[in-house]
């Protein structure tokens, strides 16, 4: 018989991904032998990263019943070493060419002038 704590441990990388993505996660439960995971993320790119995490834990995910929905919203991101707006744009939108959307949302006149530790608003 499935154990809730064992399944939470197995899918801990997925739960971490959801946390990093700023997802809203409902309390985890069991449905028979499956872990029930219901979450809301703010973009399709975020949903894709969660989905990739699920497949990396268990490609068959037979013991997981998931419902990941996209409800568009605004995210924030803290600039990391080596980041540029194209890289950040690719991460959030799957398209590096949307970097000017991020620049405009943050009032950046020069998209090349971001600093490590800077908080950026990522528009929908």
PDB file of N, CA and C in Angstrom:
ATOM      1  N   UNK A   1       0.829  -1.190   0.000  1.00  0.00           N
ATOM      2  CA  UNK A   1       0.000   0.000   0.000  1.00  0.00           C
ATOM      3  C   UNK A   1       0.872   1.251   0.000  1.00  0.00           C
ATOM      4  N   UNK A   2       0.442   2.239  -0.745  1.00  0.00           N
ATOM      5  CA  UNK A   2       1.198   3.491  -0.863  1.00  0.00           C
ATOM      6  C   UNK A   2       1.177   4.259   0.459  1.00  0.00           C
ATOM      7  N   UNK A   3       2.285   4.884   0.749  1.00  0.00           N
ATOM      8  CA  UNK A   3       2.426   5.680   1.961  1.00  0.00           C
ATOM      9  C   UNK A   3       2.628   7.141   1.539  1.00  0.00           C
ATOM     10  N   UNK A   4       1.818   8.032   2.100  1.00  0.00           N
ATOM     11  CA  UNK A   4       1.869   9.451   1.734  1.00  0.00           C
ATOM     12  C   UNK A   4       3.271  10.024   1.914  1.00  0.00           C
ATOM     13  N   UNK A   5       3.909   9.735   3.027  1.00  0.00           N
ATOM     14  CA  UNK A   5       5.239  10.299   3.294  1.00  0.00           C
ATOM     15  C   UNK A   5       6.285   9.775   2.316  1.00  0.00           C
ATOM     16  N   UNK A   6       6.181   8.486   1.952  1.00  0.00           N
ATOM     17  CA  UNK A   6       7.132   7.935   0.979  1.00  0.00           C
ATOM     18  C   UNK A   6       6.967   8.602  -0.389  1.00  0.00           C
ATOM     19  N   UNK A   7       5.729   8.819  -0.790  1.00  0.00           N
ATOM     20  CA  UNK A   7       5.488   9.459  -2.076  1.00  0.00           C
ATOM     21  C   UNK A   7       5.911  10.930  -2.050  1.00  0.00           C
ATOM     22  N   UNK A   8       5.698  11.604  -0.927  1.00  0.00           N
ATOM     23  CA  UNK A   8       6.176  12.988  -0.807  1.00  0.00           C
ATOM     24  C   UNK A   8       7.695  13.024  -0.964  1.00  0.00           C
ATOM     25  N   UNK A   9       8.372  12.064  -0.357  1.00  0.00           N
ATOM     26  CA  UNK A   9       9.835  11.995  -0.449  1.00  0.00           C
ATOM     27  C   UNK A   9      10.263  11.720  -1.887  1.00  0.00           C
ATOM     28  N   UNK A  10       9.589  10.773  -2.534  1.00  0.00           N
ATOM     29  CA  UNK A  10       9.929  10.435  -3.923  1.00  0.00           C
ATOM     30  C   UNK A  10       9.795  11.661  -4.820  1.00  0.00           C
ATOM     31  N   UNK A  11       8.718  12.407  -4.645  1.00  0.00           N
ATOM     32  CA  UNK A  11       8.444  13.558  -5.505  1.00  0.00           C
ATOM     33  C   UNK A  11       8.947  14.879  -4.918  1.00  0.00           C
ATOM     34  N   UNK A  12       9.858  14.806  -3.964  1.00  0.00           N
ATOM     35  CA  UNK A  12      10.433  16.014  -3.355  1.00  0.00           C
ATOM     36  C   UNK A  12      11.057  16.944  -4.408  1.00  0.00           C
ATOM     37  N   UNK A  13      11.758  16.421  -5.437  1.00  0.00           N
ATOM     38  CA  UNK A  13      12.295  17.337  -6.454  1.00  0.00           C
ATOM     39  C   UNK A  13      11.194  18.111  -7.186  1.00  0.00           C
ATOM     40  N   UNK A  14      10.054  17.499  -7.382  1.00  0.00           N
ATOM     41  CA  UNK A  14       8.924  18.171  -8.031  1.00  0.00           C
ATOM     42  C   UNK A  14       8.389  19.262  -7.107  1.00  0.00           C
ATOM     43  N   UNK A  15       8.273  18.940  -5.836  1.00  0.00           N
ATOM     44  CA  UNK A  15       7.792  19.924  -4.862  1.00  0.00           C
ATOM     45  C   UNK A  15       8.758  21.097  -4.772  1.00  0.00           C
ATOM     46  N   UNK A  16      10.054  20.806  -4.882  1.00  0.00           N
ATOM     47  CA  UNK A  16      11.056  21.882  -4.880  1.00  0.00           C
ATOM     48  C   UNK A  16      10.893  22.766  -6.123  1.00  0.00           C
ATOM     49  N   UNK A  17      10.688  22.143  -7.274  1.00  0.00           N
ATOM     50  CA  UNK A  17      10.477  22.899  -8.509  1.00  0.00           C
ATOM     51  C   UNK A  17       9.257  23.805  -8.368  1.00  0.00           C
ATOM     52  N   UNK A  18       8.186  23.275  -7.799  1.00  0.00           N
ATOM     53  CA  UNK A  18       6.977  24.075  -7.588  1.00  0.00           C
ATOM     54  C   UNK A  18       7.267  25.269  -6.681  1.00  0.00           C
ATOM     55  N   UNK A  19       8.073  25.052  -5.665  1.00  0.00           N
ATOM     56  CA  UNK A  19       8.440  26.138  -4.754  1.00  0.00           C
ATOM     57  C   UNK A  19       9.246  27.207  -5.494  1.00  0.00           C
ATOM     58  N   UNK A  20      10.236  26.771  -6.267  1.00  0.00           N
ATOM     59  CA  UNK A  20      11.069  27.701  -7.033  1.00  0.00           C
ATOM     60  C   UNK A  20      10.220  28.494  -8.023  1.00  0.00           C
ATOM     61  N   UNK A  21       9.224  27.842  -8.606  1.00  0.00           N
ATOM     62  CA  UNK A  21       8.359  28.490  -9.588  1.00  0.00           C
ATOM     63  C   UNK A  21       7.320  29.404  -8.945  1.00  0.00           C
ATOM     64  N   UNK A  22       7.245  29.391  -7.623  1.00  0.00           N
ATOM     65  CA  UNK A  22       6.271  30.233  -6.940  1.00  0.00           C
ATOM     66  C   UNK A  22       4.846  29.732  -7.103  1.00  0.00           C
ATOM     67  N   UNK A  23       4.703  28.439  -7.292  1.00  0.00           N
ATOM     68  CA  UNK A  23       3.382  27.844  -7.497  1.00  0.00           C
ATOM     69  C   UNK A  23       2.576  27.824  -6.201  1.00  0.00           C
ATOM     70  N   UNK A  24       1.277  27.835  -6.372  1.00  0.00           N
ATOM     71  CA  UNK A  24       0.379  27.629  -5.238  1.00  0.00           C
ATOM     72  C   UNK A  24      -0.001  26.155  -5.261  1.00  0.00           C
ATOM     73  N   UNK A  25       0.345  25.452  -4.196  1.00  0.00           N
ATOM     74  CA  UNK A  25       0.155  24.006  -4.130  1.00  0.00           C
ATOM     75  C   UNK A  25      -0.888  23.683  -3.065  1.00  0.00           C
ATOM     76  N   UNK A  26      -1.862  22.869  -3.448  1.00  0.00           N
ATOM     77  CA  UNK A  26      -2.876  22.409  -2.506  1.00  0.00           C
ATOM     78  C   UNK A  26      -2.246  21.323  -1.622  1.00  0.00           C
ATOM     79  N   UNK A  27      -2.806  21.082  -0.439  1.00  0.00           N
ATOM     80  CA  UNK A  27      -2.268  20.010   0.411  1.00  0.00           C
ATOM     81  C   UNK A  27      -2.251  18.673  -0.338  1.00  0.00           C
ATOM     82  N   UNK A  28      -1.161  17.945  -0.181  1.00  0.00           N
ATOM     83  CA  UNK A  28      -1.010  16.649  -0.839  1.00  0.00           C
ATOM     84  C   UNK A  28      -1.855  15.601  -0.131  1.00  0.00           C
ATOM     85  N   UNK A  29      -2.471  14.738  -0.931  1.00  0.00           N
ATOM     86  CA  UNK A  29      -3.297  13.660  -0.388  1.00  0.00           C
ATOM     87  C   UNK A  29      -3.025  12.388  -1.182  1.00  0.00           C
ATOM     88  N   UNK A  30      -3.643  11.310  -0.738  1.00  0.00           N
ATOM     89  CA  UNK A  30      -3.583  10.043  -1.455  1.00  0.00           C
ATOM     90  C   UNK A  30      -4.942   9.732  -2.050  1.00  0.00           C
ATOM     91  N   UNK A  31      -4.931   9.155  -3.248  1.00  0.00           N
ATOM     92  CA  UNK A  31      -6.133   8.613  -3.868  1.00  0.00           C
ATOM     93  C   UNK A  31      -5.775   7.181  -4.229  1.00  0.00           C
ATOM     94  N   UNK A  32      -6.146   6.264  -3.367  1.00  0.00           N
ATOM     95  CA  UNK A  32      -5.734   4.878  -3.557  1.00  0.00           C
ATOM     96  C   UNK A  32      -4.232   4.774  -3.395  1.00  0.00           C
ATOM     97  N   UNK A  33      -3.550   4.403  -4.476  1.00  0.00           N
ATOM     98  CA  UNK A  33      -2.097   4.238  -4.467  1.00  0.00           C
ATOM     99  C   UNK A  33      -1.367   5.433  -5.081  1.00  0.00           C
ATOM    100  N   UNK A  34      -2.090   6.513  -5.361  1.00  0.00           N
ATOM    101  CA  UNK A  34      -1.484   7.652  -6.050  1.00  0.00           C
ATOM    102  C   UNK A  34      -1.435   8.894  -5.171  1.00  0.00           C
ATOM    103  N   UNK A  35      -0.323   9.621  -5.300  1.00  0.00           N
ATOM    104  CA  UNK A  35      -0.189  10.925  -4.671  1.00  0.00           C
ATOM    105  C   UNK A  35      -0.969  11.924  -5.519  1.00  0.00           C
ATOM    106  N   UNK A  36      -1.821  12.717  -4.877  1.00  0.00           N
ATOM    107  CA  UNK A  36      -2.606  13.726  -5.586  1.00  0.00           C
ATOM    108  C   UNK A  36      -1.919  15.074  -5.412  1.00  0.00           C
ATOM    109  N   UNK A  37      -1.511  15.643  -6.549  1.00  0.00           N
ATOM    110  CA  UNK A  37      -0.797  16.914  -6.571  1.00  0.00           C
ATOM    111  C   UNK A  37      -1.598  17.900  -7.417  1.00  0.00           C
ATOM    112  N   UNK A  38      -2.074  18.967  -6.784  1.00  0.00           N
ATOM    113  CA  UNK A  38      -2.814  20.013  -7.475  1.00  0.00           C
ATOM    114  C   UNK A  38      -2.089  21.327  -7.233  1.00  0.00           C
ATOM    115  N   UNK A  39      -1.758  22.019  -8.338  1.00  0.00           N
ATOM    116  CA  UNK A  39      -0.999  23.260  -8.207  1.00  0.00           C
ATOM    117  C   UNK A  39      -1.378  24.236  -9.319  1.00  0.00           C
ATOM    118  N   UNK A  40      -1.111  25.505  -9.039  1.00  0.00           N
ATOM    119  CA  UNK A  40      -1.330  26.577 -10.001  1.00  0.00           C
ATOM    120  C   UNK A  40      -0.007  27.290 -10.215  1.00  0.00           C
ATOM    121  N   UNK A  41       0.373  27.464 -11.486  1.00  0.00           N
ATOM    122  CA  UNK A  41       1.580  28.189 -11.857  1.00  0.00           C
ATOM    123  C   UNK A  41       1.173  29.382 -12.723  1.00  0.00           C
ATOM    124  N   UNK A  42       2.109  30.326 -12.952  1.00  0.00           N
ATOM    125  CA  UNK A  42       1.742  31.559 -13.641  1.00  0.00           C
ATOM    126  C   UNK A  42       2.066  31.590 -15.129  1.00  0.00           C
ATOM    127  N   UNK A  43       2.719  30.538 -15.657  1.00  0.00           N
ATOM    128  CA  UNK A  43       3.036  30.553 -17.084  1.00  0.00           C
ATOM    129  C   UNK A  43       3.160  29.134 -17.626  1.00  0.00           C
ATOM    130  N   UNK A  44       3.024  29.021 -18.952  1.00  0.00           N
ATOM    131  CA  UNK A  44       3.213  27.721 -19.613  1.00  0.00           C
ATOM    132  C   UNK A  44       4.656  27.248 -19.446  1.00  0.00           C
ATOM    133  N   UNK A  45       5.610  28.182 -19.493  1.00  0.00           N
ATOM    134  CA  UNK A  45       7.014  27.812 -19.319  1.00  0.00           C
ATOM    135  C   UNK A  45       7.236  27.221 -17.926  1.00  0.00           C
ATOM    136  N   UNK A  46       6.588  27.804 -16.932  1.00  0.00           N
ATOM    137  CA  UNK A  46       6.692  27.288 -15.572  1.00  0.00           C
ATOM    138  C   UNK A  46       6.076  25.889 -15.493  1.00  0.00           C
ATOM    139  N   UNK A  47       4.926  25.725 -16.118  1.00  0.00           N
ATOM    140  CA  UNK A  47       4.264  24.408 -16.144  1.00  0.00           C
ATOM    141  C   UNK A  47       5.170  23.376 -16.815  1.00  0.00           C
ATOM    142  N   UNK A  48       5.836  23.763 -17.894  1.00  0.00           N
ATOM    143  CA  UNK A  48       6.746  22.849 -18.588  1.00  0.00           C
ATOM    144  C   UNK A  48       7.899  22.418 -17.687  1.00  0.00           C
ATOM    145  N   UNK A  49       8.425  23.341 -16.893  1.00  0.00           N
ATOM    146  CA  UNK A  49       9.522  22.988 -15.976  1.00  0.00           C
ATOM    147  C   UNK A  49       9.045  22.015 -14.900  1.00  0.00           C
ATOM    148  N   UNK A  50       7.816  22.209 -14.423  1.00  0.00           N
ATOM    149  CA  UNK A  50       7.257  21.270 -13.434  1.00  0.00           C
ATOM    150  C   UNK A  50       7.080  19.900 -14.085  1.00  0.00           C
ATOM    151  N   UNK A  51       6.546  19.897 -15.291  1.00  0.00           N
ATOM    152  CA  UNK A  51       6.340  18.648 -16.015  1.00  0.00           C
ATOM    153  C   UNK A  51       7.673  17.929 -16.240  1.00  0.00           C
ATOM    154  N   UNK A  52       8.726  18.660 -16.623  1.00  0.00           N
ATOM    155  CA  UNK A  52      10.048  18.065 -16.797  1.00  0.00           C
ATOM    156  C   UNK A  52      10.545  17.453 -15.494  1.00  0.00           C
ATOM    157  N   UNK A  53      10.280  18.120 -14.389  1.00  0.00           N
ATOM    158  CA  UNK A  53      10.693  17.609 -13.083  1.00  0.00           C
ATOM    159  C   UNK A  53       9.956  16.303 -12.757  1.00  0.00           C
ATOM    160  N   UNK A  54       8.661  16.264 -13.055  1.00  0.00           N
ATOM    161  CA  UNK A  54       7.889  15.031 -12.818  1.00  0.00           C
ATOM    162  C   UNK A  54       8.495  13.886 -13.617  1.00  0.00           C
ATOM    163  N   UNK A  55       8.761  14.113 -14.903  1.00  0.00           N
ATOM    164  CA  UNK A  55       9.298  13.051 -15.763  1.00  0.00           C
ATOM    165  C   UNK A  55      10.697  12.625 -15.341  1.00  0.00           C
ATOM    166  N   UNK A  56      11.472  13.553 -14.768  1.00  0.00           N
ATOM    167  CA  UNK A  56      12.819  13.170 -14.332  1.00  0.00           C
ATOM    168  C   UNK A  56      12.775  12.299 -13.080  1.00  0.00           C
ATOM    169  N   UNK A  57      11.752  12.465 -12.257  1.00  0.00           N
ATOM    170  CA  UNK A  57      11.609  11.630 -11.061  1.00  0.00           C
ATOM    171  C   UNK A  57      11.140  10.235 -11.454  1.00  0.00           C
ATOM    172  N   UNK A  58      10.129  10.166 -12.321  1.00  0.00           N
ATOM    173  CA  UNK A  58       9.559   8.882 -12.724  1.00  0.00           C
ATOM    174  C   UNK A  58       8.843   9.074 -14.061  1.00  0.00           C
ATOM    175  N   UNK A  59       9.468   8.624 -15.157  1.00  0.00           N
ATOM    176  CA  UNK A  59       8.867   8.840 -16.481  1.00  0.00           C
ATOM    177  C   UNK A  59       7.453   8.278 -16.626  1.00  0.00           C
ATOM    178  N   UNK A  60       7.113   7.249 -15.876  1.00  0.00           N
ATOM    179  CA  UNK A  60       5.766   6.675 -15.980  1.00  0.00           C
ATOM    180  C   UNK A  60       4.780   7.351 -15.026  1.00  0.00           C
ATOM    181  N   UNK A  61       5.292   7.970 -13.958  1.00  0.00           N
ATOM    182  CA  UNK A  61       4.512   8.640 -12.911  1.00  0.00           C
ATOM    183  C   UNK A  61       3.168   7.959 -12.624  1.00  0.00           C
ATOM    184  N   UNK A  62       3.193   6.618 -12.559  1.00  0.00           N
ATOM    185  CA  UNK A  62       1.971   5.838 -12.330  1.00  0.00           C
ATOM    186  C   UNK A  62       1.408   6.056 -10.924  1.00  0.00           C
ATOM    187  N   UNK A  63       2.277   6.487 -10.005  1.00  0.00           N
ATOM    188  CA  UNK A  63       1.818   6.694  -8.626  1.00  0.00           C
ATOM    189  C   UNK A  63       1.538   8.171  -8.341  1.00  0.00           C
ATOM    190  N   UNK A  64       1.329   8.947  -9.415  1.00  0.00           N
ATOM    191  CA  UNK A  64       1.064  10.375  -9.262  1.00  0.00           C
ATOM    192  C   UNK A  64      -0.161  10.775 -10.072  1.00  0.00           C
ATOM    193  N   UNK A  65      -1.081  11.438  -9.415  1.00  0.00           N
ATOM    194  CA  UNK A  65      -2.229  12.036 -10.089  1.00  0.00           C
ATOM    195  C   UNK A  65      -2.027  13.539  -9.945  1.00  0.00           C
ATOM    196  N   UNK A  66      -1.777  14.217 -11.072  1.00  0.00           N
ATOM    197  CA  UNK A  66      -1.428  15.631 -10.997  1.00  0.00           C
ATOM    198  C   UNK A  66      -2.396  16.490 -11.812  1.00  0.00           C
ATOM    199  N   UNK A  67      -2.572  17.701 -11.322  1.00  0.00           N
ATOM    200  CA  UNK A  67      -3.370  18.704 -12.012  1.00  0.00           C
ATOM    201  C   UNK A  67      -2.621  20.028 -11.842  1.00  0.00           C
ATOM    202  N   UNK A  68      -1.858  20.382 -12.873  1.00  0.00           N
ATOM    203  CA  UNK A  68      -1.078  21.621 -12.844  1.00  0.00           C
ATOM    204  C   UNK A  68      -1.764  22.593 -13.809  1.00  0.00           C
ATOM    205  N   UNK A  69      -2.275  23.680 -13.272  1.00  0.00           N
ATOM    206  CA  UNK A  69      -2.984  24.650 -14.101  1.00  0.00           C
ATOM    207  C   UNK A  69      -2.206  25.954 -14.189  1.00  0.00           C
ATOM    208  N   UNK A  70      -2.386  26.635 -15.305  1.00  0.00           N
ATOM    209  CA  UNK A  70      -1.757  27.940 -15.512  1.00  0.00           C
ATOM    210  C   UNK A  70      -2.807  29.019 -15.276  1.00  0.00           C
ATOM    211  N   UNK A  71      -2.508  29.892 -14.335  1.00  0.00           N
ATOM    212  CA  UNK A  71      -3.312  31.095 -14.112  1.00  0.00           C
ATOM    213  C   UNK A  71      -2.333  32.252 -14.236  1.00  0.00           C
ATOM    214  N   UNK A  72      -2.380  32.964 -15.366  1.00  0.00           N
ATOM    215  CA  UNK A  72      -1.386  34.015 -15.595  1.00  0.00           C
ATOM    216  C   UNK A  72      -1.307  35.015 -14.441  1.00  0.00           C
ATOM    217  N   UNK A  73      -0.105  35.402 -14.151  1.00  0.00           N
ATOM    218  CA  UNK A  73       0.140  36.370 -13.089  1.00  0.00           C
ATOM    219  C   UNK A  73       1.535  36.938 -13.228  1.00  0.00           C
ATOM    220  N   UNK A  74       1.883  37.795 -12.339  1.00  0.00           N
ATOM    221  CA  UNK A  74       3.193  38.424 -12.373  1.00  0.00           C
ATOM    222  C   UNK A  74       4.125  37.682 -11.420  1.00  0.00           C
ATOM    223  N   UNK A  75       5.343  37.474 -11.864  1.00  0.00           N
ATOM    224  CA  UNK A  75       6.361  36.841 -11.040  1.00  0.00           C
ATOM    225  C   UNK A  75       7.480  37.832 -10.804  1.00  0.00           C
ATOM    226  N   UNK A  76       8.272  37.549  -9.789  1.00  0.00           N
ATOM    227  CA  UNK A  76       9.497  38.312  -9.597  1.00  0.00           C
ATOM    228  C   UNK A  76      10.667  37.345  -9.730  1.00  0.00           C
ATOM    229  N   UNK A  77      11.803  37.888 -10.063  1.00  0.00           N
ATOM    230  CA  UNK A  77      13.000  37.089 -10.245  1.00  0.00           C
ATOM    231  C   UNK A  77      14.186  37.882  -9.725  1.00  0.00           C
ATOM    232  N   UNK A  78      15.081  37.203  -9.017  1.00  0.00           N
ATOM    233  CA  UNK A  78      16.301  37.825  -8.526  1.00  0.00           C
ATOM    234  C   UNK A  78      17.436  37.478  -9.483  1.00  0.00           C
ATOM    235  N   UNK A  79      18.071  38.494 -10.027  1.00  0.00           N
ATOM    236  CA  UNK A  79      19.148  38.308 -10.996  1.00  0.00           C
ATOM    237  C   UNK A  79      20.304  37.535 -10.345  1.00  0.00           C
ATOM    238  N   UNK A  80      20.779  36.518 -11.076  1.00  0.00           N
ATOM    239  CA  UNK A  80      21.868  35.659 -10.625  1.00  0.00           C
ATOM    240  C   UNK A  80      23.134  35.959 -11.437  1.00  0.00           C
ATOM    241  N   UNK A  81      24.310  35.570 -10.926  1.00  0.00           N
ATOM    242  CA  UNK A  81      25.543  35.763 -11.702  1.00  0.00           C
ATOM    243  C   UNK A  81      25.416  35.093 -13.074  1.00  0.00           C
ATOM    244  N   UNK A  82      25.839  35.782 -14.111  1.00  0.00           N
ATOM    245  CA  UNK A  82      25.790  35.241 -15.471  1.00  0.00           C
ATOM    246  C   UNK A  82      24.479  35.501 -16.200  1.00  0.00           C
ATOM    247  N   UNK A  83      23.513  36.087 -15.519  1.00  0.00           N
ATOM    248  CA  UNK A  83      22.225  36.372 -16.149  1.00  0.00           C
ATOM    249  C   UNK A  83      22.304  37.575 -17.084  1.00  0.00           C
ATOM    250  N   UNK A  84      21.467  37.549 -18.089  1.00  0.00           N
ATOM    251  CA  UNK A  84      21.178  38.717 -18.910  1.00  0.00           C
ATOM    252  C   UNK A  84      19.686  38.641 -19.222  1.00  0.00           C
ATOM    253  N   UNK A  85      19.128  39.701 -19.747  1.00  0.00           N
ATOM    254  CA  UNK A  85      17.678  39.710 -19.962  1.00  0.00           C
ATOM    255  C   UNK A  85      17.225  38.679 -20.993  1.00  0.00           C
ATOM    256  N   UNK A  86      18.049  38.371 -21.975  1.00  0.00           N
ATOM    257  CA  UNK A  86      17.686  37.341 -22.954  1.00  0.00           C
ATOM    258  C   UNK A  86      17.583  35.970 -22.281  1.00  0.00           C
ATOM    259  N   UNK A  87      18.537  35.673 -21.427  1.00  0.00           N
ATOM    260  CA  UNK A  87      18.531  34.391 -20.714  1.00  0.00           C
ATOM    261  C   UNK A  87      17.311  34.310 -19.788  1.00  0.00           C
ATOM    262  N   UNK A  88      17.014  35.390 -19.091  1.00  0.00           N
ATOM    263  CA  UNK A  88      15.853  35.427 -18.192  1.00  0.00           C
ATOM    264  C   UNK A  88      14.567  35.295 -19.005  1.00  0.00           C
ATOM    265  N   UNK A  89      14.507  35.971 -20.140  1.00  0.00           N
ATOM    266  CA  UNK A  89      13.347  35.899 -21.020  1.00  0.00           C
ATOM    267  C   UNK A  89      13.137  34.472 -21.530  1.00  0.00           C
ATOM    268  N   UNK A  90      14.203  33.818 -21.922  1.00  0.00           N
ATOM    269  CA  UNK A  90      14.099  32.434 -22.394  1.00  0.00           C
ATOM    270  C   UNK A  90      13.580  31.528 -21.274  1.00  0.00           C
ATOM    271  N   UNK A  91      14.060  31.745 -20.061  1.00  0.00           N
ATOM    272  CA  UNK A  91      13.637  30.931 -18.924  1.00  0.00           C
ATOM    273  C   UNK A  91      12.134  31.076 -18.671  1.00  0.00           C
ATOM    274  N   UNK A  92      11.635  32.295 -18.672  1.00  0.00           N
ATOM    275  CA  UNK A  92      10.236  32.534 -18.319  1.00  0.00           C
ATOM    276  C   UNK A  92       9.259  32.382 -19.485  1.00  0.00           C
ATOM    277  N   UNK A  93       9.692  32.709 -20.680  1.00  0.00           N
ATOM    278  CA  UNK A  93       8.778  32.686 -21.822  1.00  0.00           C
ATOM    279  C   UNK A  93       9.112  31.621 -22.849  1.00  0.00           C
ATOM    280  N   UNK A  94      10.301  31.023 -22.725  1.00  0.00           N
ATOM    281  CA  UNK A  94      10.734  30.085 -23.749  1.00  0.00           C
ATOM    282  C   UNK A  94      11.218  30.795 -25.001  1.00  0.00           C
ATOM    283  N   UNK A  95      11.407  32.117 -24.909  1.00  0.00           N
ATOM    284  CA  UNK A  95      11.796  32.927 -26.057  1.00  0.00           C
ATOM    285  C   UNK A  95      12.743  34.041 -25.589  1.00  0.00           C
ATOM    286  N   UNK A  96      14.010  33.978 -25.990  1.00  0.00           N
ATOM    287  CA  UNK A  96      14.957  35.004 -25.542  1.00  0.00           C
ATOM    288  C   UNK A  96      14.668  36.387 -26.111  1.00  0.00           C
ATOM    289  N   UNK A  97      13.906  36.448 -27.191  1.00  0.00           N
ATOM    290  CA  UNK A  97      13.644  37.726 -27.848  1.00  0.00           C
ATOM    291  C   UNK A  97      12.590  38.572 -27.145  1.00  0.00           C
ATOM    292  N   UNK A  98      12.020  38.083 -26.064  1.00  0.00           N
ATOM    293  CA  UNK A  98      11.030  38.872 -25.319  1.00  0.00           C
ATOM    294  C   UNK A  98      11.687  39.681 -24.200  1.00  0.00           C
ATOM    295  N   UNK A  99      13.013  39.827 -24.271  1.00  0.00           N
ATOM    296  CA  UNK A  99      13.751  40.525 -23.212  1.00  0.00           C
ATOM    297  C   UNK A  99      13.294  41.975 -23.037  1.00  0.00           C
ATOM    298  N   UNK A 100      12.827  42.601 -24.120  1.00  0.00           N
ATOM    299  CA  UNK A 100      12.396  44.002 -23.999  1.00  0.00           C
ATOM    300  C   UNK A 100      11.117  44.119 -23.167  1.00  0.00           C
ATOM    301  N   UNK A 101      10.285  43.071 -23.142  1.00  0.00           N
ATOM    302  CA  UNK A 101       9.096  43.080 -22.288  1.00  0.00           C
ATOM    303  C   UNK A 101       9.514  43.177 -20.818  1.00  0.00           C
ATOM    304  N   UNK A 102      10.569  42.444 -20.476  1.00  0.00           N
ATOM    305  CA  UNK A 102      11.081  42.477 -19.101  1.00  0.00           C
ATOM    306  C   UNK A 102      11.706  43.841 -18.823  1.00  0.00           C
ATOM    307  N   UNK A 103      12.459  44.352 -19.788  1.00  0.00           N
ATOM    308  CA  UNK A 103      13.100  45.660 -19.612  1.00  0.00           C
ATOM    309  C   UNK A 103      12.045  46.743 -19.387  1.00  0.00           C
ATOM    310  N   UNK A 104      11.009  46.758 -20.213  1.00  0.00           N
ATOM    311  CA  UNK A 104       9.954  47.775 -20.088  1.00  0.00           C
ATOM    312  C   UNK A 104       9.216  47.654 -18.756  1.00  0.00           C
ATOM    313  N   UNK A 105       8.922  46.424 -18.339  1.00  0.00           N
ATOM    314  CA  UNK A 105       8.192  46.211 -17.086  1.00  0.00           C
ATOM    315  C   UNK A 105       8.984  46.704 -15.883  1.00  0.00           C
ATOM    316  N   UNK A 106      10.302  46.804 -16.035  1.00  0.00           N
ATOM    317  CA  UNK A 106      11.161  47.221 -14.932  1.00  0.00           C
ATOM    318  C   UNK A 106      11.762  48.607 -15.128  1.00  0.00           C
ATOM    319  N   UNK A 107      11.297  49.323 -16.141  1.00  0.00           N
ATOM    320  CA  UNK A 107      11.781  50.676 -16.376  1.00  0.00           C
ATOM    321  C   UNK A 107      13.259  50.748 -16.695  1.00  0.00           C
ATOM    322  N   UNK A 108      13.773  49.725 -17.373  1.00  0.00           N
ATOM    323  CA  UNK A 108      15.195  49.697 -17.707  1.00  0.00           C
ATOM    324  C   UNK A 108      15.412  50.344 -19.073  1.00  0.00           C
ATOM    325  N   UNK A 109      16.106  51.461 -19.097  1.00  0.00           N
ATOM    326  CA  UNK A 109      16.380  52.130 -20.378  1.00  0.00           C
ATOM    327  C   UNK A 109      17.464  51.380 -21.153  1.00  0.00           C
ATOM    328  N   UNK A 110      18.353  50.690 -20.434  1.00  0.00           N
ATOM    329  CA  UNK A 110      19.406  49.897 -21.062  1.00  0.00           C
ATOM    330  C   UNK A 110      19.274  48.457 -20.576  1.00  0.00           C
ATOM    331  N   UNK A 111      18.788  47.546 -21.430  1.00  0.00           N
ATOM    332  CA  UNK A 111      18.570  46.167 -20.998  1.00  0.00           C
ATOM    333  C   UNK A 111      19.844  45.422 -20.611  1.00  0.00           C
ATOM    334  N   UNK A 112      21.006  45.988 -20.931  1.00  0.00           N
ATOM    335  CA  UNK A 112      22.270  45.352 -20.555  1.00  0.00           C
ATOM    336  C   UNK A 112      22.714  45.730 -19.142  1.00  0.00           C
ATOM    337  N   UNK A 113      21.979  46.620 -18.491  1.00  0.00           N
ATOM    338  CA  UNK A 113      22.394  47.113 -17.175  1.00  0.00           C
ATOM    339  C   UNK A 113      21.538  46.503 -16.064  1.00  0.00           C
ATOM    340  N   UNK A 114      21.732  45.206 -15.837  1.00  0.00           N
ATOM    341  CA  UNK A 114      21.100  44.563 -14.680  1.00  0.00           C
ATOM    342  C   UNK A 114      22.219  44.110 -13.760  1.00  0.00           C
ATOM    343  N   UNK A 115      21.896  43.998 -12.484  1.00  0.00           N
ATOM    344  CA  UNK A 115      22.910  43.667 -11.488  1.00  0.00           C
ATOM    345  C   UNK A 115      22.496  42.438 -10.701  1.00  0.00           C
ATOM    346  N   UNK A 116      23.475  41.651 -10.315  1.00  0.00           N
ATOM    347  CA  UNK A 116      23.237  40.485  -9.464  1.00  0.00           C
ATOM    348  C   UNK A 116      22.521  40.949  -8.201  1.00  0.00           C
ATOM    349  N   UNK A 117      21.472  40.239  -7.844  1.00  0.00           N
ATOM    350  CA  UNK A 117      20.691  40.564  -6.659  1.00  0.00           C
ATOM    351  C   UNK A 117      19.512  41.474  -6.939  1.00  0.00           C
ATOM    352  N   UNK A 118      19.475  42.062  -8.123  1.00  0.00           N
ATOM    353  CA  UNK A 118      18.371  42.954  -8.491  1.00  0.00           C
ATOM    354  C   UNK A 118      17.084  42.133  -8.643  1.00  0.00           C
ATOM    355  N   UNK A 119      15.989  42.698  -8.126  1.00  0.00           N
ATOM    356  CA  UNK A 119      14.672  42.066  -8.261  1.00  0.00           C
ATOM    357  C   UNK A 119      14.010  42.586  -9.532  1.00  0.00           C
ATOM    358  N   UNK A 120      13.582  41.678 -10.386  1.00  0.00           N
ATOM    359  CA  UNK A 120      12.897  42.048 -11.614  1.00  0.00           C
ATOM    360  C   UNK A 120      11.465  41.545 -11.581  1.00  0.00           C
ATOM    361  N   UNK A 121      10.556  42.346 -12.091  1.00  0.00           N
ATOM    362  CA  UNK A 121       9.187  41.916 -12.291  1.00  0.00           C
ATOM    363  C   UNK A 121       9.119  41.263 -13.663  1.00  0.00           C
ATOM    364  N   UNK A 122       8.534  40.080 -13.709  1.00  0.00           N
ATOM    365  CA  UNK A 122       8.386  39.353 -14.964  1.00  0.00           C
ATOM    366  C   UNK A 122       6.921  39.437 -15.357  1.00  0.00           C
ATOM    367  N   UNK A 123       6.600  40.237 -16.392  1.00  0.00           N
ATOM    368  CA  UNK A 123       5.189  40.401 -16.764  1.00  0.00           C
ATOM    369  C   UNK A 123       4.636  39.133 -17.419  1.00  0.00           C
ATOM    370  N   UNK A 124       3.326  39.070 -17.520  1.00  0.00           N
ATOM    371  CA  UNK A 124       2.677  37.909 -18.131  1.00  0.00           C
ATOM    372  C   UNK A 124       3.038  37.767 -19.577  1.00  0.00           C
TER     373      UNK A 124
END
